[in-house]
C-alpha atoms as a PDB file:
ATOM      1  CA  MET A   1      21.484  36.681  15.871  1.00  0.00           C
ATOM      2  CA  ASN A   2      24.231  33.703  16.629  1.00  0.00           C
ATOM      3  CA  LEU A   3      22.207  32.362  19.603  1.00  0.00           C
ATOM      4  CA  LEU A   4      18.967  32.329  16.983  1.00  0.00           C
ATOM      5  CA  ARG A   5      21.083  30.599  14.353  1.00  0.00           C
ATOM      6  CA  HIS A   6      22.164  27.955  17.020  1.00  0.00           C
ATOM      7  CA  ALA A   7      18.734  27.225  18.549  1.00  0.00           C
ATOM      8  CA  TRP A   8      17.214  26.654  14.888  1.00  0.00           C
ATOM      9  CA  ARG A   9      19.939  24.452  14.222  1.00  0.00           C
ATOM     10  CA  ALA A  10      19.560  22.207  17.569  1.00  0.00           C
ATOM     11  CA  LEU A  11      16.081  22.462  16.611  1.00  0.00           C
ATOM     12  CA  ARG A  12      16.807  20.933  13.438  1.00  0.00           C
ATOM     13  CA  ARG A  13      18.950  18.038  15.220  1.00  0.00           C
ATOM     14  CA  GLU A  14      16.594  17.135  17.868  1.00  0.00           C
ATOM     15  CA  ALA A  15      13.239  17.409  16.346  1.00  0.00           C
ATOM     16  CA  GLY A  16      11.903  16.180  13.203  1.00  0.00           C
ATOM     17  CA  GLN A  17       8.504  17.545  11.890  1.00  0.00           C
ATOM     18  CA  VAL A  18       5.255  15.793   9.808  1.00  0.00           C
ATOM     19  CA  LEU A  19       3.189  18.545   8.701  1.00  0.00           C
ATOM     20  CA  GLN A  20      -0.210  18.315   7.177  1.00  0.00           C
ATOM     21  CA  GLY A  21       1.190  19.835   4.100  1.00  0.00           C
ATOM     22  CA  LEU A  22       4.137  17.528   3.881  1.00  0.00           C
ATOM     23  CA  HIS A  23       6.013  19.794   2.076  1.00  0.00           C
ATOM     24  CA  LEU A  24       7.975  17.390  -0.045  1.00  0.00           C
ATOM     25  CA  VAL A  25      10.390  18.993  -2.619  1.00  0.00           C
ATOM     26  CA  PRO A  26       8.257  17.847  -6.068  1.00  0.00           C
ATOM     27  CA  ARG A  27      11.087  17.316  -8.007  1.00  0.00           C
ATOM     28  CA  LEU A  28      13.212  15.229  -5.787  1.00  0.00           C
ATOM     29  CA  SER A  29      12.435  11.439  -5.796  1.00  0.00           C
ATOM     30  CA  ALA A  30      11.289   9.720  -2.706  1.00  0.00           C
ATOM     31  CA  ALA A  31      14.673   8.668  -1.578  1.00  0.00           C
ATOM     32  CA  GLU A  32      15.717  12.437  -2.129  1.00  0.00           C
ATOM     33  CA  ASN A  33      13.212  13.812   0.183  1.00  0.00           C
ATOM     34  CA  ILE A  34      14.237  11.422   2.810  1.00  0.00           C
ATOM     35  CA  ALA A  35      17.704  12.353   2.293  1.00  0.00           C
ATOM     36  CA  LEU A  36      17.699  16.076   2.638  1.00  0.00           C
ATOM     37  CA  PRO A  37      18.023  16.227   6.306  1.00  0.00           C
ATOM     38  CA  MET A  38      21.364  14.561   5.911  1.00  0.00           C
ATOM     39  CA  THR A  39      22.598  16.242   2.887  1.00  0.00           C
ATOM     40  CA  LEU A  40      21.884  19.507   4.523  1.00  0.00           C
ATOM     41  CA  ALA A  41      23.654  18.436   7.675  1.00  0.00           C
ATOM     42  CA  GLY A  42      26.502  17.180   5.633  1.00  0.00           C
ATOM     43  CA  ILE A  43      26.406  13.664   6.122  1.00  0.00           C
ATOM     44  CA  ASP A  44      28.693  11.699   4.112  1.00  0.00           C
ATOM     45  CA  PRO A  45      27.042  10.543   1.061  1.00  0.00           C
ATOM     46  CA  ALA A  46      27.722   6.606   1.972  1.00  0.00           C
ATOM     47  CA  GLU A  47      26.089   6.867   5.369  1.00  0.00           C
ATOM     48  CA  ARG A  48      22.822   8.474   3.644  1.00  0.00           C
ATOM     49  CA  ALA A  49      22.600   5.817   1.009  1.00  0.00           C
ATOM     50  CA  ILE A  50      22.779   3.370   3.833  1.00  0.00           C
ATOM     51  CA  ARG A  51      20.024   5.216   5.863  1.00  0.00           C
ATOM     52  CA  VAL A  52      17.757   5.916   3.084  1.00  0.00           C
ATOM     53  CA  ASN A  53      17.735   2.305   1.760  1.00  0.00           C
ATOM     54  CA  GLN A  54      16.957   1.199   5.304  1.00  0.00           C
ATOM     55  CA  ALA A  55      14.334   3.706   5.947  1.00  0.00           C
ATOM     56  CA  LEU A  56      12.540   3.015   2.269  1.00  0.00           C
ATOM     57  CA  LYS A  57      12.446  -0.672   3.441  1.00  0.00           C
ATOM     58  CA  ASP A  58      10.936   0.181   7.545  1.00  0.00           C
ATOM     59  CA  TYR A  59       8.297   2.114   5.613  1.00  0.00           C
ATOM     60  CA  GLY A  60       7.355  -0.342   2.523  1.00  0.00           C
ATOM     61  CA  LEU A  61       8.740   2.591  -0.296  1.00  0.00           C
ATOM     62  CA  SER A  62      11.734   0.237  -1.561  1.00  0.00           C
ATOM     63  CA  ASP A  63       9.871  -0.111  -4.708  1.00  0.00           C
ATOM     64  CA  ARG A  64       8.771   3.835  -4.761  1.00  0.00           C
ATOM     65  CA  ALA A  65      12.311   5.408  -4.097  1.00  0.00           C
ATOM     66  CA  SER A  66      12.983   7.099  -7.542  1.00  0.00           C
ATOM     67  CA  HIS A  67       9.155   8.263  -7.780  1.00  0.00           C
ATOM     68  CA  ARG A  68       8.742  11.806  -7.164  1.00  0.00           C
ATOM     69  CA  PRO A  69       5.574  12.842  -4.971  1.00  0.00           C
ATOM     70  CA  ASN A  70       3.474  13.103  -7.882  1.00  0.00           C
ATOM     71  CA  GLU A  71       3.737   9.519  -8.352  1.00  0.00           C
ATOM     72  CA  LEU A  72       3.210   8.564  -4.785  1.00  0.00           C
ATOM     73  CA  SER A  73      -0.498   7.500  -3.150  1.00  0.00           C
ATOM     74  CA  GLY A  74      -1.340  10.144  -0.379  1.00  0.00           C
ATOM     75  CA  GLY A  75      -0.281   7.128   1.733  1.00  0.00           C
ATOM     76  CA  GLN A  76       3.423   6.554   0.196  1.00  0.00           C
ATOM     77  CA  ARG A  77       3.840  10.746   0.488  1.00  0.00           C
ATOM     78  CA  GLN A  78       2.599  10.629   4.282  1.00  0.00           C
ATOM     79  CA  ARG A  79       5.678   7.752   4.525  1.00  0.00           C
ATOM     80  CA  VAL A  80       7.801   9.443   2.895  1.00  0.00           C
ATOM     81  CA  ALA A  81       7.302  12.422   5.262  1.00  0.00           C
ATOM     82  CA  ILE A  82       7.399  10.499   8.364  1.00  0.00           C
ATOM     83  CA  ALA A  83      10.545   9.267   6.999  1.00  0.00           C
ATOM     84  CA  ARG A  84      12.033  12.157   6.300  1.00  0.00           C
ATOM     85  CA  ALA A  85      11.364  13.657   9.570  1.00  0.00           C
ATOM     86  CA  THR A  86      12.878  10.533  11.521  1.00  0.00           C
ATOM     87  CA  ILE A  87      16.176  10.176   9.563  1.00  0.00           C
ATOM     88  CA  MET A  88      18.033  12.122  11.869  1.00  0.00           C
ATOM     89  CA  GLN A  89      16.972   9.989  14.497  1.00  0.00           C
ATOM     90  CA  PRO A  90      15.263  12.948  16.384  1.00  0.00           C
ATOM     91  CA  ALA A  91      14.318  13.263  20.217  1.00  0.00           C
ATOM     92  CA  MET A  92      10.599  14.371  19.027  1.00  0.00           C
ATOM     93  CA  ILE A  93       8.741  14.462  16.648  1.00  0.00           C
ATOM     94  CA  LEU A  94       5.931  17.258  15.817  1.00  0.00           C
ATOM     95  CA  ALA A  95       3.140  16.223  13.975  1.00  0.00           C
ATOM     96  CA  ASP A  96       0.045  18.460  13.203  1.00  0.00           C
ATOM     97  CA  GLU A  97      -2.597  16.264  11.825  1.00  0.00           C
ATOM     98  CA  PRO A  98      -0.268  13.300  10.020  1.00  0.00           C
ATOM     99  CA  THR A  99      -3.354  11.144   9.192  1.00  0.00           C
ATOM    100  CA  GLY A 100      -5.666  14.582   8.097  1.00  0.00           C
ATOM    101  CA  ASN A 101      -5.970  13.981   4.640  1.00  0.00           C
ATOM    102  CA  LEU A 102      -6.167  10.190   4.378  1.00  0.00           C
ATOM    103  CA  ASP A 103      -8.466   7.681   4.424  1.00  0.00           C
ATOM    104  CA  ARG A 104      -8.728   5.423   7.287  1.00  0.00           C
ATOM    105  CA  ALA A 105      -6.872   2.343   6.656  1.00  0.00           C
ATOM    106  CA  THR A 106      -3.667   4.223   5.777  1.00  0.00           C
ATOM    107  CA  GLY A 107      -4.170   6.522   8.509  1.00  0.00           C
ATOM    108  CA  GLU A 108      -4.017   3.380  10.778  1.00  0.00           C
ATOM    109  CA  GLU A 109      -0.781   2.517   9.025  1.00  0.00           C
ATOM    110  CA  VAL A 110       0.543   5.756   9.465  1.00  0.00           C
ATOM    111  CA  MET A 111      -0.616   6.163  13.514  1.00  0.00           C
ATOM    112  CA  ARG A 112       0.909   2.322  13.918  1.00  0.00           C
ATOM    113  CA  LEU A 113       4.060   3.645  12.408  1.00  0.00           C
ATOM    114  CA  LEU A 114       4.386   6.716  14.484  1.00  0.00           C
ATOM    115  CA  GLU A 115       3.477   4.614  17.727  1.00  0.00           C
ATOM    116  CA  GLU A 116       6.515   1.908  16.464  1.00  0.00           C
ATOM    117  CA  LEU A 117       8.750   5.295  16.918  1.00  0.00           C
ATOM    118  CA  ASN A 118       7.782   6.211  19.947  1.00  0.00           C
ATOM    119  CA  GLN A 119       8.578   2.450  21.247  1.00  0.00           C
END
Protein backbone atom coordinates (compact mmCIF):
# COMPACT_ATOMS: atom_id res chain seq x y z
CA MET A 1 0.00 0.00 0.00
CA ASN A 2 2.86 2.39 0.73
CA LEU A 3 4.22 1.85 -2.78
CA LEU A 4 0.85 2.72 -4.28
CA ARG A 5 0.57 5.83 -2.11
CA HIS A 6 4.10 6.88 -3.12
CA ALA A 7 3.30 6.34 -6.81
CA TRP A 8 0.11 8.41 -6.51
CA ARG A 9 1.99 11.29 -4.86
CA ALA A 10 4.64 11.19 -7.60
CA LEU A 11 1.97 11.24 -10.29
CA ARG A 12 0.26 14.25 -8.67
CA ARG A 13 3.59 16.12 -8.74
CA GLU A 14 4.53 15.14 -12.29
CA ALA A 15 1.18 15.23 -14.10
CA GLY A 16 -1.56 17.81 -14.33
CA GLN A 17 -5.00 16.89 -15.61
CA VAL A 18 -7.73 18.76 -17.43
CA LEU A 19 -10.84 16.62 -17.57
CA GLN A 20 -13.90 17.38 -19.68
CA GLY A 21 -16.01 17.92 -16.54
CA LEU A 22 -13.34 20.29 -15.14
CA HIS A 23 -14.13 19.29 -11.54
CA LEU A 24 -13.74 22.78 -10.12
CA VAL A 25 -14.80 23.12 -6.48
CA PRO A 26 -18.06 25.12 -6.63
CA ARG A 27 -17.64 27.02 -3.36
CA LEU A 28 -14.04 28.06 -4.07
CA SER A 29 -13.13 31.13 -6.10
CA ALA A 30 -11.14 30.88 -9.32
CA ALA A 31 -7.98 31.80 -7.41
CA GLU A 32 -8.68 29.23 -4.69
CA ASN A 33 -9.35 26.51 -7.28
CA ILE A 34 -6.04 27.29 -8.97
CA ALA A 35 -4.21 27.25 -5.62
CA LEU A 36 -5.75 23.96 -4.48
CA PRO A 37 -2.93 21.64 -5.66
CA MET A 38 -0.35 23.85 -3.96
CA THR A 39 -2.41 23.94 -0.78
CA LEU A 40 -2.60 20.15 -0.74
CA ALA A 41 1.15 19.96 -1.39
CA GLY A 42 1.87 22.23 1.59
CA ILE A 43 3.46 25.04 -0.41
CA ASP A 44 4.00 28.22 1.59
CA PRO A 45 1.04 30.65 1.37
CA ALA A 46 3.25 33.52 0.16
CA GLU A 47 4.61 31.39 -2.69
CA ARG A 48 1.07 30.23 -3.52
CA ALA A 49 -0.14 33.82 -3.77
CA ILE A 50 2.69 34.78 -6.12
CA ARG A 51 2.14 31.80 -8.39
CA VAL A 52 -1.66 32.11 -8.42
CA ASN A 53 -1.52 35.82 -9.26
CA GLN A 54 0.87 35.08 -12.13
CA ALA A 55 -1.37 32.28 -13.42
CA LEU A 56 -4.44 34.53 -13.24
CA LYS A 57 -2.56 37.14 -15.25
CA ASP A 58 -1.19 34.60 -17.77
CA TYR A 59 -4.65 33.15 -18.42
CA GLY A 60 -6.46 36.49 -18.57
CA LEU A 61 -8.42 35.84 -15.39
CA SER A 62 -7.14 38.56 -13.04
CA ASP A 63 -10.50 40.32 -13.02
CA ARG A 64 -12.29 37.02 -12.25
CA ALA A 65 -10.06 35.84 -9.36
CA SER A 66 -12.76 36.10 -6.70
CA HIS A 67 -15.56 34.63 -8.84
CA ARG A 68 -16.89 31.14 -8.21
CA PRO A 69 -17.18 28.66 -11.09
CA ASN A 70 -20.91 29.30 -11.58
CA GLU A 71 -20.06 32.99 -12.15
CA LEU A 72 -17.59 32.22 -14.95
CA SER A 73 -18.14 31.50 -18.63
CA GLY A 74 -17.29 28.07 -20.02
CA GLY A 75 -14.02 29.37 -21.44
CA GLN A 76 -13.08 31.02 -18.16
CA ARG A 77 -13.80 27.81 -16.25
CA GLN A 78 -11.67 25.91 -18.74
CA ARG A 79 -8.78 28.35 -18.25
CA VAL A 80 -9.10 27.99 -14.46
CA ALA A 81 -8.88 24.22 -14.89
CA ILE A 82 -5.79 24.54 -17.11
CA ALA A 83 -4.17 26.97 -14.66
CA ARG A 84 -4.88 24.54 -11.82
CA ALA A 85 -3.44 21.66 -13.84
CA THR A 86 -0.24 23.57 -14.60
CA ILE A 87 0.34 25.50 -11.36
CA MET A 88 2.62 22.77 -9.98
CA GLN A 89 4.67 22.89 -13.21
CA PRO A 90 4.13 19.22 -14.03
CA ALA A 91 6.22 17.30 -16.55
CA MET A 92 3.05 16.36 -18.45
CA ILE A 93 -0.59 17.32 -18.76
CA LEU A 94 -3.33 14.76 -19.29
CA ALA A 95 -6.24 16.37 -21.13
CA ASP A 96 -9.52 14.64 -21.99
CA GLU A 97 -11.24 16.67 -24.69
CA PRO A 98 -10.25 20.00 -23.12
CA THR A 99 -12.25 21.90 -25.73
CA GLY A 100 -15.21 19.52 -26.01
CA ASN A 101 -17.78 21.84 -24.42
CA LEU A 102 -16.50 25.13 -25.81
CA ASP A 103 -17.44 27.28 -28.78
CA ARG A 104 -14.94 27.39 -31.64
CA ALA A 105 -13.21 30.66 -30.68
CA THR A 106 -12.83 29.68 -27.03
CA GLY A 107 -11.67 26.22 -28.04
CA GLU A 108 -8.98 27.72 -30.25
CA GLU A 109 -7.85 29.96 -27.38
CA VAL A 110 -7.60 26.97 -25.03
CA MET A 111 -5.60 25.02 -27.62
CA ARG A 112 -3.28 28.02 -28.07
CA LEU A 113 -2.68 28.07 -24.31
CA LEU A 114 -1.90 24.35 -24.27
CA GLU A 115 0.46 24.71 -27.23
CA GLU A 116 2.27 27.57 -25.45
CA LEU A 117 2.71 25.32 -22.42
CA ASN A 118 4.16 22.64 -24.67
CA GLN A 119 6.84 25.06 -25.82
